[in-house]
Protein backbone atom coordinates (compact mmCIF):
# COMPACT_ATOMS: atom_id res chain seq x y z
CA MET A 1 102.54 78.54 0.72
CA SER A 2 102.94 77.25 -2.82
CA THR A 3 102.49 73.52 -3.15
CA GLU A 4 104.18 73.47 -6.57
CA ALA A 5 107.67 73.32 -5.05
CA THR A 6 106.57 70.98 -2.28
CA GLN A 7 107.10 67.25 -2.73
CA PRO A 8 103.87 65.24 -2.63
CA TYR A 9 104.85 63.44 0.60
CA GLN A 10 105.63 66.81 2.21
CA ARG A 11 102.12 68.06 1.40
CA ILE A 12 100.71 65.10 3.32
CA VAL A 13 103.05 65.72 6.26
CA GLN A 14 102.11 69.42 6.34
CA ASP A 15 98.40 68.63 6.13
CA VAL A 16 98.52 66.06 8.95
CA ARG A 17 100.55 68.49 11.09
CA GLN A 18 97.92 71.17 10.46
CA LYS A 19 95.11 68.79 11.38
CA ILE A 20 96.89 67.95 14.64
CA ARG A 21 97.53 71.65 15.34
CA SER A 22 93.87 72.51 14.71
CA GLY A 23 92.60 69.66 16.87
CA LEU A 24 91.00 67.74 14.01
CA PHE A 25 93.38 64.85 14.77
CA THR A 26 93.71 64.39 18.53
CA ALA A 27 95.87 62.09 20.65
CA GLY A 28 95.05 58.48 19.92
CA ALA A 29 93.08 59.29 16.78
CA LYS A 30 93.46 56.77 13.96
CA LEU A 31 94.63 58.24 10.68
CA PRO A 32 92.95 57.18 7.44
CA SER A 33 94.45 54.07 5.85
CA THR A 34 97.33 54.27 3.39
CA ARG A 35 94.88 53.52 0.58
CA GLU A 36 92.50 56.26 1.73
CA LEU A 37 95.31 58.79 2.04
CA ALA A 38 96.64 57.83 -1.39
CA GLU A 39 93.20 58.44 -2.87
CA THR A 40 92.69 61.69 -0.97
CA TYR A 41 96.02 63.16 -2.10
CA ALA A 42 96.05 61.45 -5.52
CA VAL A 43 99.44 59.87 -4.88
CA ALA A 44 100.92 56.39 -4.87
CA PRO A 45 100.81 54.33 -1.64
CA GLY A 46 104.62 54.57 -1.47
CA THR A 47 104.34 58.35 -1.25
CA VAL A 48 101.94 58.00 1.67
CA GLN A 49 104.35 55.56 3.35
CA ARG A 50 107.15 58.12 3.02
CA ALA A 51 104.94 60.76 4.64
CA LEU A 52 104.01 58.39 7.47
CA THR A 53 107.70 57.64 8.03
CA GLU A 54 108.37 61.39 8.34
CA LEU A 55 105.52 61.77 10.81
CA ARG A 56 106.75 58.79 12.87
CA THR A 57 110.29 60.18 12.91
CA ALA A 58 108.92 63.51 14.12
CA GLY A 59 107.11 61.69 16.94
CA LEU A 60 103.67 62.73 15.72
CA ILE A 61 102.28 59.28 14.96
CA TYR A 62 102.93 55.64 15.72
CA SER A 63 101.92 52.69 13.58
CA HIS A 64 100.99 49.09 14.26
CA GLN A 65 100.99 46.60 11.42
CA GLY A 66 97.46 45.56 10.63
CA LEU A 67 95.93 48.23 12.88
CA GLY A 68 96.98 51.48 11.25
CA SER A 69 98.62 54.74 12.28
CA PHE A 70 97.63 56.79 15.31
CA VAL A 71 98.39 60.27 16.65
CA THR A 72 100.80 60.16 19.62
CA ASP A 73 99.87 61.63 22.99
CA THR A 74 102.54 64.31 22.59
CA ALA A 75 101.81 65.26 18.97
CA SER A 76 99.80 68.39 19.79
CA GLU A 77 102.61 69.65 22.03
CA THR A 78 105.16 69.07 19.27
CA VAL A 79 103.28 70.90 16.53
CA GLY A 80 101.88 73.44 18.94
CA GLY A 81 105.16 75.16 19.51
CA ARG A 82 107.54 72.78 21.25
CA THR A 83 109.91 71.20 18.79
CA ASP A 84 112.51 68.50 19.15
CA ASP A 85 114.53 69.63 16.14
CA TRP A 86 117.66 69.80 18.26
CA MET A 87 117.36 66.11 19.05
CA PRO A 88 119.40 63.60 17.05
CA ASP A 89 117.37 61.23 14.87
CA ALA A 90 118.55 58.24 16.91
CA VAL A 91 117.02 59.73 20.08
CA ARG A 92 113.75 60.49 18.32
CA THR A 93 113.68 56.95 16.95
CA LEU A 94 114.24 55.51 20.43
CA GLN A 95 111.53 57.73 21.88
CA GLN A 96 109.10 56.52 19.24
CA GLN A 97 109.99 52.89 19.88
CA VAL A 98 109.34 53.39 23.60
CA ARG A 99 105.96 55.01 22.81
CA ASP A 100 105.06 52.15 20.48
CA LEU A 101 106.03 49.52 23.04
CA THR A 102 104.13 51.34 25.79
CA ALA A 103 101.00 51.45 23.65
CA ARG A 104 101.32 47.74 22.83
CA ILE A 105 101.80 46.81 26.48
CA GLU A 106 98.74 48.84 27.45
CA ARG A 107 96.66 47.06 24.79
CA ILE A 108 97.95 43.65 25.89
CA GLU A 109 97.13 44.43 29.52
CA LYS A 110 93.62 45.41 28.46
CA GLY A 111 93.33 42.14 26.53
CA GLY A 112 93.33 43.78 23.12
CA ASP A 113 96.27 42.04 21.40
């Protein structure tokens, strides 16, 4: 696949998807920081933020301010063949919000927040 026609944020999205698919990034794994990703891909932090937004919308990651971005429990299923492309964005957004809240509640119950 030629990366010349691919937007910089899309390259990051594709790379993270591939790392999830290959098992390099597993459920619960913390992604590198925005700064680290910006350096790795030689892009501006805003470009990384756009990629992270895409990944959140796709249900592959969730983010917590001050803690970072993490791979969702269902990410490997999503990139491994099952897709939710038929689902409206509003439903995907709600699903992600439920995942984020569930993760926060679990951390609070464990005394981590």
